[in-house]
């Protein structure tokens, strides 16, 4: 089987090609930056307006950071990534509990 046949077979099977995978990885990387920044902006606006910080926004932000750092640790095996992911997980759990206490 030559290169063209292989490429055509992959495309007909609906599997993403290397370019699509590269774009997906970059888009997820960008969202990993944008989501926490947006949540932090909303938190700062609330603080400036004299409103209470919303625990769910903080929990969402740190949950996203936790997952990103944990995945990074699993792939790179850098101890710092594991430590920071544990810190992010702890903050996520604390904020989630605070959110639930405010709702329940």
PDB file of N, CA and C in Angstrom:
ATOM      1  N   UNK A   1       0.850  -1.174   0.000  1.00  0.00           N
ATOM      2  CA  UNK A   1       0.000   0.000   0.000  1.00  0.00           C
ATOM      3  C   UNK A   1       0.896   1.237   0.000  1.00  0.00           C
ATOM      4  N   UNK A   2       0.635   2.146  -0.918  1.00  0.00           N
ATOM      5  CA  UNK A   2       1.462   3.346  -0.955  1.00  0.00           C
ATOM      6  C   UNK A   2       0.906   4.443  -0.045  1.00  0.00           C
ATOM      7  N   UNK A   3       1.633   5.520   0.031  1.00  0.00           N
ATOM      8  CA  UNK A   3       1.297   6.623   0.937  1.00  0.00           C
ATOM      9  C   UNK A   3      -0.092   7.191   0.659  1.00  0.00           C
ATOM     10  N   UNK A   4      -0.417   7.383  -0.587  1.00  0.00           N
ATOM     11  CA  UNK A   4      -1.707   7.974  -0.961  1.00  0.00           C
ATOM     12  C   UNK A   4      -2.878   7.074  -0.558  1.00  0.00           C
ATOM     13  N   UNK A   5      -2.709   5.765  -0.737  1.00  0.00           N
ATOM     14  CA  UNK A   5      -3.768   4.835  -0.345  1.00  0.00           C
ATOM     15  C   UNK A   5      -3.992   4.860   1.165  1.00  0.00           C
ATOM     16  N   UNK A   6      -2.891   4.926   1.898  1.00  0.00           N
ATOM     17  CA  UNK A   6      -2.992   4.976   3.364  1.00  0.00           C
ATOM     18  C   UNK A   6      -3.705   6.256   3.793  1.00  0.00           C
ATOM     19  N   UNK A   7      -3.300   7.390   3.218  1.00  0.00           N
ATOM     20  CA  UNK A   7      -3.933   8.664   3.555  1.00  0.00           C
ATOM     21  C   UNK A   7      -5.415   8.666   3.212  1.00  0.00           C
ATOM     22  N   UNK A   8      -5.757   8.116   2.050  1.00  0.00           N
ATOM     23  CA  UNK A   8      -7.167   8.092   1.660  1.00  0.00           C
ATOM     24  C   UNK A   8      -7.965   7.178   2.578  1.00  0.00           C
ATOM     25  N   UNK A   9      -7.379   6.066   3.019  1.00  0.00           N
ATOM     26  CA  UNK A   9      -8.052   5.143   3.918  1.00  0.00           C
ATOM     27  C   UNK A   9      -8.308   5.801   5.276  1.00  0.00           C
ATOM     28  N   UNK A  10      -7.307   6.515   5.780  1.00  0.00           N
ATOM     29  CA  UNK A  10      -7.456   7.201   7.069  1.00  0.00           C
ATOM     30  C   UNK A  10      -8.553   8.250   6.972  1.00  0.00           C
ATOM     31  N   UNK A  11      -8.579   9.005   5.894  1.00  0.00           N
ATOM     32  CA  UNK A  11      -9.584  10.054   5.745  1.00  0.00           C
ATOM     33  C   UNK A  11     -10.988   9.477   5.603  1.00  0.00           C
ATOM     34  N   UNK A  12     -11.125   8.328   4.970  1.00  0.00           N
ATOM     35  CA  UNK A  12     -12.457   7.735   4.821  1.00  0.00           C
ATOM     36  C   UNK A  12     -12.930   7.090   6.115  1.00  0.00           C
ATOM     37  N   UNK A  13     -11.998   6.728   6.991  1.00  0.00           N
ATOM     38  CA  UNK A  13     -12.373   6.147   8.281  1.00  0.00           C
ATOM     39  C   UNK A  13     -12.805   7.213   9.286  1.00  0.00           C
ATOM     40  N   UNK A  14     -12.677   8.452   8.923  1.00  0.00           N
ATOM     41  CA  UNK A  14     -13.115   9.534   9.803  1.00  0.00           C
ATOM     42  C   UNK A  14     -12.129   9.869  10.903  1.00  0.00           C
ATOM     43  N   UNK A  15     -10.943   9.302  10.863  1.00  0.00           N
ATOM     44  CA  UNK A  15      -9.945   9.614  11.867  1.00  0.00           C
ATOM     45  C   UNK A  15      -9.284  10.939  11.516  1.00  0.00           C
ATOM     46  N   UNK A  16      -8.985  11.765  12.541  1.00  0.00           N
ATOM     47  CA  UNK A  16      -8.356  13.060  12.253  1.00  0.00           C
ATOM     48  C   UNK A  16      -6.926  12.877  11.748  1.00  0.00           C
ATOM     49  N   UNK A  17      -6.520  13.765  10.861  1.00  0.00           N
ATOM     50  CA  UNK A  17      -5.144  13.708  10.389  1.00  0.00           C
ATOM     51  C   UNK A  17      -4.241  14.481  11.357  1.00  0.00           C
ATOM     52  N   UNK A  18      -2.952  14.506  11.077  1.00  0.00           N
ATOM     53  CA  UNK A  18      -1.991  15.145  11.981  1.00  0.00           C
ATOM     54  C   UNK A  18      -2.271  16.631  12.158  1.00  0.00           C
ATOM     55  N   UNK A  19      -2.689  17.296  11.088  1.00  0.00           N
ATOM     56  CA  UNK A  19      -2.983  18.722  11.183  1.00  0.00           C
ATOM     57  C   UNK A  19      -4.168  18.966  12.118  1.00  0.00           C
ATOM     58  N   UNK A  20      -5.210  18.173  11.987  1.00  0.00           N
ATOM     59  CA  UNK A  20      -6.372  18.319  12.853  1.00  0.00           C
ATOM     60  C   UNK A  20      -6.006  18.065  14.311  1.00  0.00           C
ATOM     61  N   UNK A  21      -5.177  17.062  14.569  1.00  0.00           N
ATOM     62  CA  UNK A  21      -4.740  16.777  15.926  1.00  0.00           C
ATOM     63  C   UNK A  21      -3.901  17.919  16.486  1.00  0.00           C
ATOM     64  N   UNK A  22      -3.041  18.474  15.660  1.00  0.00           N
ATOM     65  CA  UNK A  22      -2.212  19.604  16.083  1.00  0.00           C
ATOM     66  C   UNK A  22      -3.079  20.815  16.422  1.00  0.00           C
ATOM     67  N   UNK A  23      -4.074  21.079  15.592  1.00  0.00           N
ATOM     68  CA  UNK A  23      -4.983  22.202  15.834  1.00  0.00           C
ATOM     69  C   UNK A  23      -5.776  21.963  17.121  1.00  0.00           C
ATOM     70  N   UNK A  24      -6.243  20.743  17.329  1.00  0.00           N
ATOM     71  CA  UNK A  24      -6.989  20.412  18.542  1.00  0.00           C
ATOM     72  C   UNK A  24      -6.132  20.623  19.779  1.00  0.00           C
ATOM     73  N   UNK A  25      -4.904  20.161  19.747  1.00  0.00           N
ATOM     74  CA  UNK A  25      -4.001  20.308  20.893  1.00  0.00           C
ATOM     75  C   UNK A  25      -3.753  21.782  21.183  1.00  0.00           C
ATOM     76  N   UNK A  26      -3.511  22.580  20.153  1.00  0.00           N
ATOM     77  CA  UNK A  26      -3.281  24.011  20.356  1.00  0.00           C
ATOM     78  C   UNK A  26      -4.531  24.703  20.883  1.00  0.00           C
ATOM     79  N   UNK A  27      -5.697  24.319  20.375  1.00  0.00           N
ATOM     80  CA  UNK A  27      -6.933  24.960  20.830  1.00  0.00           C
ATOM     81  C   UNK A  27      -7.205  24.636  22.293  1.00  0.00           C
ATOM     82  N   UNK A  28      -6.929  23.407  22.701  1.00  0.00           N
ATOM     83  CA  UNK A  28      -7.098  23.041  24.107  1.00  0.00           C
ATOM     84  C   UNK A  28      -6.095  23.794  24.978  1.00  0.00           C
ATOM     85  N   UNK A  29      -4.893  23.978  24.471  1.00  0.00           N
ATOM     86  CA  UNK A  29      -3.888  24.747  25.201  1.00  0.00           C
ATOM     87  C   UNK A  29      -4.316  26.189  25.397  1.00  0.00           C
ATOM     88  N   UNK A  30      -4.906  26.774  24.373  1.00  0.00           N
ATOM     89  CA  UNK A  30      -5.382  28.155  24.471  1.00  0.00           C
ATOM     90  C   UNK A  30      -6.534  28.243  25.467  1.00  0.00           C
ATOM     91  N   UNK A  31      -7.437  27.277  25.430  1.00  0.00           N
ATOM     92  CA  UNK A  31      -8.561  27.303  26.364  1.00  0.00           C
ATOM     93  C   UNK A  31      -8.088  27.114  27.799  1.00  0.00           C
ATOM     94  N   UNK A  32      -6.989  26.389  27.973  1.00  0.00           N
ATOM     95  CA  UNK A  32      -6.419  26.208  29.303  1.00  0.00           C
ATOM     96  C   UNK A  32      -5.942  27.539  29.873  1.00  0.00           C
ATOM     97  N   UNK A  33      -5.597  28.449  29.017  1.00  0.00           N
ATOM     98  CA  UNK A  33      -5.177  29.784  29.459  1.00  0.00           C
ATOM     99  C   UNK A  33      -6.378  30.710  29.585  1.00  0.00           C
ATOM    100  N   UNK A  34      -7.287  30.670  28.629  1.00  0.00           N
ATOM    101  CA  UNK A  34      -8.405  31.611  28.582  1.00  0.00           C
ATOM    102  C   UNK A  34      -9.416  31.396  29.710  1.00  0.00           C
ATOM    103  N   UNK A  35      -9.764  30.162  30.009  1.00  0.00           N
ATOM    104  CA  UNK A  35     -10.789  29.887  31.029  1.00  0.00           C
ATOM    105  C   UNK A  35     -10.398  30.451  32.391  1.00  0.00           C
ATOM    106  N   UNK A  36      -9.205  30.149  32.900  1.00  0.00           N
ATOM    107  CA  UNK A  36      -8.846  30.737  34.196  1.00  0.00           C
ATOM    108  C   UNK A  36      -8.748  32.264  34.169  1.00  0.00           C
ATOM    109  N   UNK A  37      -8.257  32.815  33.072  1.00  0.00           N
ATOM    110  CA  UNK A  37      -8.159  34.273  32.978  1.00  0.00           C
ATOM    111  C   UNK A  37      -9.550  34.901  33.041  1.00  0.00           C
ATOM    112  N   UNK A  38     -10.497  34.340  32.303  1.00  0.00           N
ATOM    113  CA  UNK A  38     -11.868  34.870  32.330  1.00  0.00           C
ATOM    114  C   UNK A  38     -12.464  34.769  33.732  1.00  0.00           C
ATOM    115  N   UNK A  39     -12.298  33.627  34.389  1.00  0.00           N
ATOM    116  CA  UNK A  39     -12.824  33.473  35.744  1.00  0.00           C
ATOM    117  C   UNK A  39     -12.173  34.473  36.690  1.00  0.00           C
ATOM    118  N   UNK A  40     -10.858  34.669  36.572  1.00  0.00           N
ATOM    119  CA  UNK A  40     -10.174  35.635  37.433  1.00  0.00           C
ATOM    120  C   UNK A  40     -10.657  37.060  37.172  1.00  0.00           C
ATOM    121  N   UNK A  41     -10.908  37.395  35.929  1.00  0.00           N
ATOM    122  CA  UNK A  41     -11.445  38.722  35.596  1.00  0.00           C
ATOM    123  C   UNK A  41     -12.798  38.920  36.264  1.00  0.00           C
ATOM    124  N   UNK A  42     -13.663  37.918  36.184  1.00  0.00           N
ATOM    125  CA  UNK A  42     -14.979  38.021  36.826  1.00  0.00           C
ATOM    126  C   UNK A  42     -14.856  38.145  38.341  1.00  0.00           C
ATOM    127  N   UNK A  43     -13.913  37.412  38.923  1.00  0.00           N
ATOM    128  CA  UNK A  43     -13.693  37.491  40.364  1.00  0.00           C
ATOM    129  C   UNK A  43     -13.212  38.887  40.750  1.00  0.00           C
ATOM    130  N   UNK A  44     -12.268  39.442  39.996  1.00  0.00           N
ATOM    131  CA  UNK A  44     -11.750  40.785  40.286  1.00  0.00           C
ATOM    132  C   UNK A  44     -12.853  41.826  40.149  1.00  0.00           C
ATOM    133  N   UNK A  45     -13.668  41.711  39.113  1.00  0.00           N
ATOM    134  CA  UNK A  45     -14.782  42.652  38.935  1.00  0.00           C
ATOM    135  C   UNK A  45     -15.726  42.581  40.125  1.00  0.00           C
ATOM    136  N   UNK A  46     -16.016  41.375  40.595  1.00  0.00           N
ATOM    137  CA  UNK A  46     -16.886  41.218  41.765  1.00  0.00           C
ATOM    138  C   UNK A  46     -16.264  41.853  43.006  1.00  0.00           C
ATOM    139  N   UNK A  47     -14.956  41.666  43.185  1.00  0.00           N
ATOM    140  CA  UNK A  47     -14.278  42.255  44.343  1.00  0.00           C
ATOM    141  C   UNK A  47     -14.324  43.784  44.282  1.00  0.00           C
ATOM    142  N   UNK A  48     -14.072  44.347  43.108  1.00  0.00           N
ATOM    143  CA  UNK A  48     -14.106  45.805  42.933  1.00  0.00           C
ATOM    144  C   UNK A  48     -15.513  46.335  43.175  1.00  0.00           C
ATOM    145  N   UNK A  49     -16.511  45.594  42.743  1.00  0.00           N
ATOM    146  CA  UNK A  49     -17.908  46.013  42.908  1.00  0.00           C
ATOM    147  C   UNK A  49     -18.408  45.782  44.336  1.00  0.00           C
ATOM    148  N   UNK A  50     -17.569  45.188  45.177  1.00  0.00           N
ATOM    149  CA  UNK A  50     -17.964  44.941  46.557  1.00  0.00           C
ATOM    150  C   UNK A  50     -18.867  43.742  46.726  1.00  0.00           C
ATOM    151  N   UNK A  51     -18.918  42.905  45.730  1.00  0.00           N
ATOM    152  CA  UNK A  51     -19.740  41.690  45.808  1.00  0.00           C
ATOM    153  C   UNK A  51     -18.886  40.529  46.325  1.00  0.00           C
ATOM    154  N   UNK A  52     -19.553  39.510  46.789  1.00  0.00           N
ATOM    155  CA  UNK A  52     -18.842  38.325  47.271  1.00  0.00           C
ATOM    156  C   UNK A  52     -18.227  37.569  46.098  1.00  0.00           C
ATOM    157  N   UNK A  53     -17.062  36.996  46.357  1.00  0.00           N
ATOM    158  CA  UNK A  53     -16.427  36.154  45.337  1.00  0.00           C
ATOM    159  C   UNK A  53     -17.254  34.876  45.223  1.00  0.00           C
ATOM    160  N   UNK A  54     -17.496  34.468  44.009  1.00  0.00           N
ATOM    161  CA  UNK A  54     -18.297  33.280  43.760  1.00  0.00           C
ATOM    162  C   UNK A  54     -17.389  32.057  43.845  1.00  0.00           C
ATOM    163  N   UNK A  55     -17.674  31.189  44.798  1.00  0.00           N
ATOM    164  CA  UNK A  55     -16.838  30.010  45.007  1.00  0.00           C
ATOM    165  C   UNK A  55     -16.859  29.058  43.814  1.00  0.00           C
ATOM    166  N   UNK A  56     -17.970  29.021  43.088  1.00  0.00           N
ATOM    167  CA  UNK A  56     -18.026  28.099  41.962  1.00  0.00           C
ATOM    168  C   UNK A  56     -17.060  28.512  40.854  1.00  0.00           C
ATOM    169  N   UNK A  57     -16.890  29.824  40.628  1.00  0.00           N
ATOM    170  CA  UNK A  57     -15.926  30.278  39.620  1.00  0.00           C
ATOM    171  C   UNK A  57     -14.508  29.887  40.014  1.00  0.00           C
ATOM    172  N   UNK A  58     -14.197  30.047  41.285  1.00  0.00           N
ATOM    173  CA  UNK A  58     -12.868  29.683  41.769  1.00  0.00           C
ATOM    174  C   UNK A  58     -12.671  28.169  41.628  1.00  0.00           C
ATOM    175  N   UNK A  59     -13.682  27.393  41.997  1.00  0.00           N
ATOM    176  CA  UNK A  59     -13.588  25.937  41.900  1.00  0.00           C
ATOM    177  C   UNK A  59     -13.406  25.492  40.453  1.00  0.00           C
ATOM    178  N   UNK A  60     -14.157  26.086  39.541  1.00  0.00           N
ATOM    179  CA  UNK A  60     -14.038  25.741  38.117  1.00  0.00           C
ATOM    180  C   UNK A  60     -12.643  26.072  37.604  1.00  0.00           C
ATOM    181  N   UNK A  61     -12.154  27.250  37.960  1.00  0.00           N
ATOM    182  CA  UNK A  61     -10.824  27.679  37.517  1.00  0.00           C
ATOM    183  C   UNK A  61      -9.755  26.700  37.977  1.00  0.00           C
ATOM    184  N   UNK A  62      -9.772  26.383  39.261  1.00  0.00           N
ATOM    185  CA  UNK A  62      -8.732  25.510  39.789  1.00  0.00           C
ATOM    186  C   UNK A  62      -8.922  24.049  39.383  1.00  0.00           C
ATOM    187  N   UNK A  63     -10.143  23.632  39.128  1.00  0.00           N
ATOM    188  CA  UNK A  63     -10.372  22.277  38.624  1.00  0.00           C
ATOM    189  C   UNK A  63      -9.749  22.125  37.234  1.00  0.00           C
ATOM    190  N   UNK A  64      -9.934  23.130  36.412  1.00  0.00           N
ATOM    191  CA  UNK A  64      -9.367  23.099  35.068  1.00  0.00           C
ATOM    192  C   UNK A  64      -7.841  23.100  35.141  1.00  0.00           C
ATOM    193  N   UNK A  65      -7.282  23.924  36.023  1.00  0.00           N
ATOM    194  CA  UNK A  65      -5.828  23.965  36.187  1.00  0.00           C
ATOM    195  C   UNK A  65      -5.303  22.637  36.757  1.00  0.00           C
ATOM    196  N   UNK A  66      -6.053  22.051  37.691  1.00  0.00           N
ATOM    197  CA  UNK A  66      -5.668  20.764  38.274  1.00  0.00           C
ATOM    198  C   UNK A  66      -5.567  19.686  37.200  1.00  0.00           C
ATOM    199  N   UNK A  67      -6.598  19.579  36.377  1.00  0.00           N
ATOM    200  CA  UNK A  67      -6.607  18.542  35.337  1.00  0.00           C
ATOM    201  C   UNK A  67      -5.457  18.752  34.356  1.00  0.00           C
ATOM    202  N   UNK A  68      -5.221  19.992  33.989  1.00  0.00           N
ATOM    203  CA  UNK A  68      -4.140  20.303  33.055  1.00  0.00           C
ATOM    204  C   UNK A  68      -2.778  19.924  33.639  1.00  0.00           C
ATOM    205  N   UNK A  69      -2.536  20.298  34.884  1.00  0.00           N
ATOM    206  CA  UNK A  69      -1.252  19.992  35.516  1.00  0.00           C
ATOM    207  C   UNK A  69      -1.086  18.493  35.775  1.00  0.00           C
ATOM    208  N   UNK A  70      -2.159  17.816  36.155  1.00  0.00           N
ATOM    209  CA  UNK A  70      -2.078  16.379  36.397  1.00  0.00           C
ATOM    210  C   UNK A  70      -1.760  15.629  35.102  1.00  0.00           C
ATOM    211  N   UNK A  71      -2.414  16.016  34.030  1.00  0.00           N
ATOM    212  CA  UNK A  71      -2.136  15.395  32.738  1.00  0.00           C
ATOM    213  C   UNK A  71      -0.680  15.644  32.343  1.00  0.00           C
ATOM    214  N   UNK A  72      -0.237  16.873  32.550  1.00  0.00           N
ATOM    215  CA  UNK A  72       1.142  17.235  32.237  1.00  0.00           C
ATOM    216  C   UNK A  72       2.118  16.394  33.065  1.00  0.00           C
ATOM    217  N   UNK A  73       1.801  16.184  34.332  1.00  0.00           N
ATOM    218  CA  UNK A  73       2.655  15.349  35.188  1.00  0.00           C
ATOM    219  C   UNK A  73       2.703  13.917  34.675  1.00  0.00           C
ATOM    220  N   UNK A  74       1.550  13.366  34.308  1.00  0.00           N
ATOM    221  CA  UNK A  74       1.507  11.971  33.843  1.00  0.00           C
ATOM    222  C   UNK A  74       2.350  11.779  32.583  1.00  0.00           C
ATOM    223  N   UNK A  75       2.402  12.797  31.732  1.00  0.00           N
ATOM    224  CA  UNK A  75       3.167  12.682  30.498  1.00  0.00           C
ATOM    225  C   UNK A  75       4.651  12.993  30.696  1.00  0.00           C
ATOM    226  N   UNK A  76       4.972  13.981  31.564  1.00  0.00           N
ATOM    227  CA  UNK A  76       6.359  14.441  31.713  1.00  0.00           C
ATOM    228  C   UNK A  76       7.067  13.891  32.945  1.00  0.00           C
ATOM    229  N   UNK A  77       6.308  13.408  33.928  1.00  0.00           N
ATOM    230  CA  UNK A  77       6.854  12.859  35.176  1.00  0.00           C
ATOM    231  C   UNK A  77       7.721  13.862  35.937  1.00  0.00           C
ATOM    232  N   UNK A  78       7.345  15.152  35.883  1.00  0.00           N
ATOM    233  CA  UNK A  78       8.062  16.169  36.652  1.00  0.00           C
ATOM    234  C   UNK A  78       7.357  16.342  37.989  1.00  0.00           C
ATOM    235  N   UNK A  79       8.126  16.199  39.068  1.00  0.00           N
ATOM    236  CA  UNK A  79       7.559  16.224  40.413  1.00  0.00           C
ATOM    237  C   UNK A  79       6.826  17.535  40.710  1.00  0.00           C
ATOM    238  N   UNK A  80       7.344  18.655  40.195  1.00  0.00           N
ATOM    239  CA  UNK A  80       6.702  19.947  40.426  1.00  0.00           C
ATOM    240  C   UNK A  80       5.274  19.953  39.889  1.00  0.00           C
ATOM    241  N   UNK A  81       5.061  19.331  38.753  1.00  0.00           N
ATOM    242  CA  UNK A  81       3.718  19.267  38.159  1.00  0.00           C
ATOM    243  C   UNK A  81       2.760  18.520  39.076  1.00  0.00           C
ATOM    244  N   UNK A  82       3.246  17.441  39.712  1.00  0.00           N
ATOM    245  CA  UNK A  82       2.414  16.686  40.641  1.00  0.00           C
ATOM    246  C   UNK A  82       2.082  17.533  41.870  1.00  0.00           C
ATOM    247  N   UNK A  83       3.084  18.214  42.401  1.00  0.00           N
ATOM    248  CA  UNK A  83       2.866  19.046  43.594  1.00  0.00           C
ATOM    249  C   UNK A  83       1.866  20.155  43.303  1.00  0.00           C
ATOM    250  N   UNK A  84       2.038  20.847  42.204  1.00  0.00           N
ATOM    251  CA  UNK A  84       1.127  21.954  41.875  1.00  0.00           C
ATOM    252  C   UNK A  84      -0.271  21.424  41.584  1.00  0.00           C
ATOM    253  N   UNK A  85      -0.375  20.242  40.974  1.00  0.00           N
ATOM    254  CA  UNK A  85      -1.705  19.684  40.711  1.00  0.00           C
ATOM    255  C   UNK A  85      -2.401  19.321  42.021  1.00  0.00           C
ATOM    256  N   UNK A  86      -1.659  18.839  43.010  1.00  0.00           N
ATOM    257  CA  UNK A  86      -2.249  18.530  44.318  1.00  0.00           C
ATOM    258  C   UNK A  86      -2.728  19.803  45.004  1.00  0.00           C
ATOM    259  N   UNK A  87      -1.941  20.870  44.896  1.00  0.00           N
ATOM    260  CA  UNK A  87      -2.358  22.166  45.463  1.00  0.00           C
ATOM    261  C   UNK A  87      -3.639  22.631  44.780  1.00  0.00           C
ATOM    262  N   UNK A  88      -3.689  22.550  43.464  1.00  0.00           N
ATOM    263  CA  UNK A  88      -4.883  22.959  42.726  1.00  0.00           C
ATOM    264  C   UNK A  88      -6.088  22.099  43.097  1.00  0.00           C
ATOM    265  N   UNK A  89      -5.866  20.810  43.303  1.00  0.00           N
ATOM    266  CA  UNK A  89      -6.952  19.930  43.711  1.00  0.00           C
ATOM    267  C   UNK A  89      -7.474  20.333  45.089  1.00  0.00           C
ATOM    268  N   UNK A  90      -6.575  20.635  46.009  1.00  0.00           N
ATOM    269  CA  UNK A  90      -6.988  21.043  47.358  1.00  0.00           C
ATOM    270  C   UNK A  90      -7.827  22.317  47.305  1.00  0.00           C
ATOM    271  N   UNK A  91      -7.397  23.284  46.517  1.00  0.00           N
ATOM    272  CA  UNK A  91      -8.162  24.531  46.389  1.00  0.00           C
ATOM    273  C   UNK A  91      -9.526  24.249  45.758  1.00  0.00           C
ATOM    274  N   UNK A  92      -9.540  23.378  44.745  1.00  0.00           N
ATOM    275  CA  UNK A  92     -10.804  23.000  44.094  1.00  0.00           C
ATOM    276  C   UNK A  92     -11.771  22.393  45.103  1.00  0.00           C
ATOM    277  N   UNK A  93     -11.278  21.466  45.925  1.00  0.00           N
ATOM    278  CA  UNK A  93     -12.139  20.808  46.910  1.00  0.00           C
ATOM    279  C   UNK A  93     -12.641  21.797  47.962  1.00  0.00           C
ATOM    280  N   UNK A  94     -11.764  22.656  48.448  1.00  0.00           N
ATOM    281  CA  UNK A  94     -12.160  23.661  49.453  1.00  0.00           C
ATOM    282  C   UNK A  94     -13.238  24.580  48.889  1.00  0.00           C
ATOM    283  N   UNK A  95     -13.013  25.097  47.696  1.00  0.00           N
ATOM    284  CA  UNK A  95     -13.973  26.019  47.076  1.00  0.00           C
ATOM    285  C   UNK A  95     -15.291  25.319  46.753  1.00  0.00           C
ATOM    286  N   UNK A  96     -15.224  24.060  46.354  1.00  0.00           N
ATOM    287  CA  UNK A  96     -16.446  23.310  46.073  1.00  0.00           C
ATOM    288  C   UNK A  96     -17.259  23.115  47.346  1.00  0.00           C
ATOM    289  N   UNK A  97     -16.578  22.786  48.428  1.00  0.00           N
ATOM    290  CA  UNK A  97     -17.263  22.636  49.721  1.00  0.00           C
ATOM    291  C   UNK A  97     -17.877  23.956  50.158  1.00  0.00           C
ATOM    292  N   UNK A  98     -17.122  25.056  49.991  1.00  0.00           N
ATOM    293  CA  UNK A  98     -17.658  26.373  50.353  1.00  0.00           C
ATOM    294  C   UNK A  98     -18.880  26.717  49.502  1.00  0.00           C
ATOM    295  N   UNK A  99     -18.827  26.390  48.223  1.00  0.00           N
ATOM    296  CA  UNK A  99     -19.967  26.626  47.332  1.00  0.00           C
ATOM    297  C   UNK A  99     -21.185  25.824  47.793  1.00  0.00           C
ATOM    298  N   UNK A 100     -20.953  24.531  48.059  1.00  0.00           N
ATOM    299  CA  UNK A 100     -22.074  23.678  48.488  1.00  0.00           C
ATOM    300  C   UNK A 100     -22.653  24.131  49.820  1.00  0.00           C
ATOM    301  N   UNK A 101     -21.808  24.580  50.742  1.00  0.00           N
ATOM    302  CA  UNK A 101     -22.317  25.098  52.021  1.00  0.00           C
ATOM    303  C   UNK A 101     -23.166  26.347  51.818  1.00  0.00           C
ATOM    304  N   UNK A 102     -22.838  27.149  50.828  1.00  0.00           N
ATOM    305  CA  UNK A 102     -23.626  28.351  50.552  1.00  0.00           C
ATOM    306  C   UNK A 102     -24.948  28.054  49.858  1.00  0.00           C
ATOM    307  N   UNK A 103     -24.999  26.939  49.150  1.00  0.00           N
ATOM    308  CA  UNK A 103     -26.209  26.585  48.394  1.00  0.00           C
ATOM    309  C   UNK A 103     -27.152  25.725  49.214  1.00  0.00           C
ATOM    310  N   UNK A 104     -26.586  24.843  49.996  1.00  0.00           N
ATOM    311  CA  UNK A 104     -27.421  23.894  50.753  1.00  0.00           C
ATOM    312  C   UNK A 104     -27.904  24.503  52.065  1.00  0.00           C
TER     313      UNK A 104
END
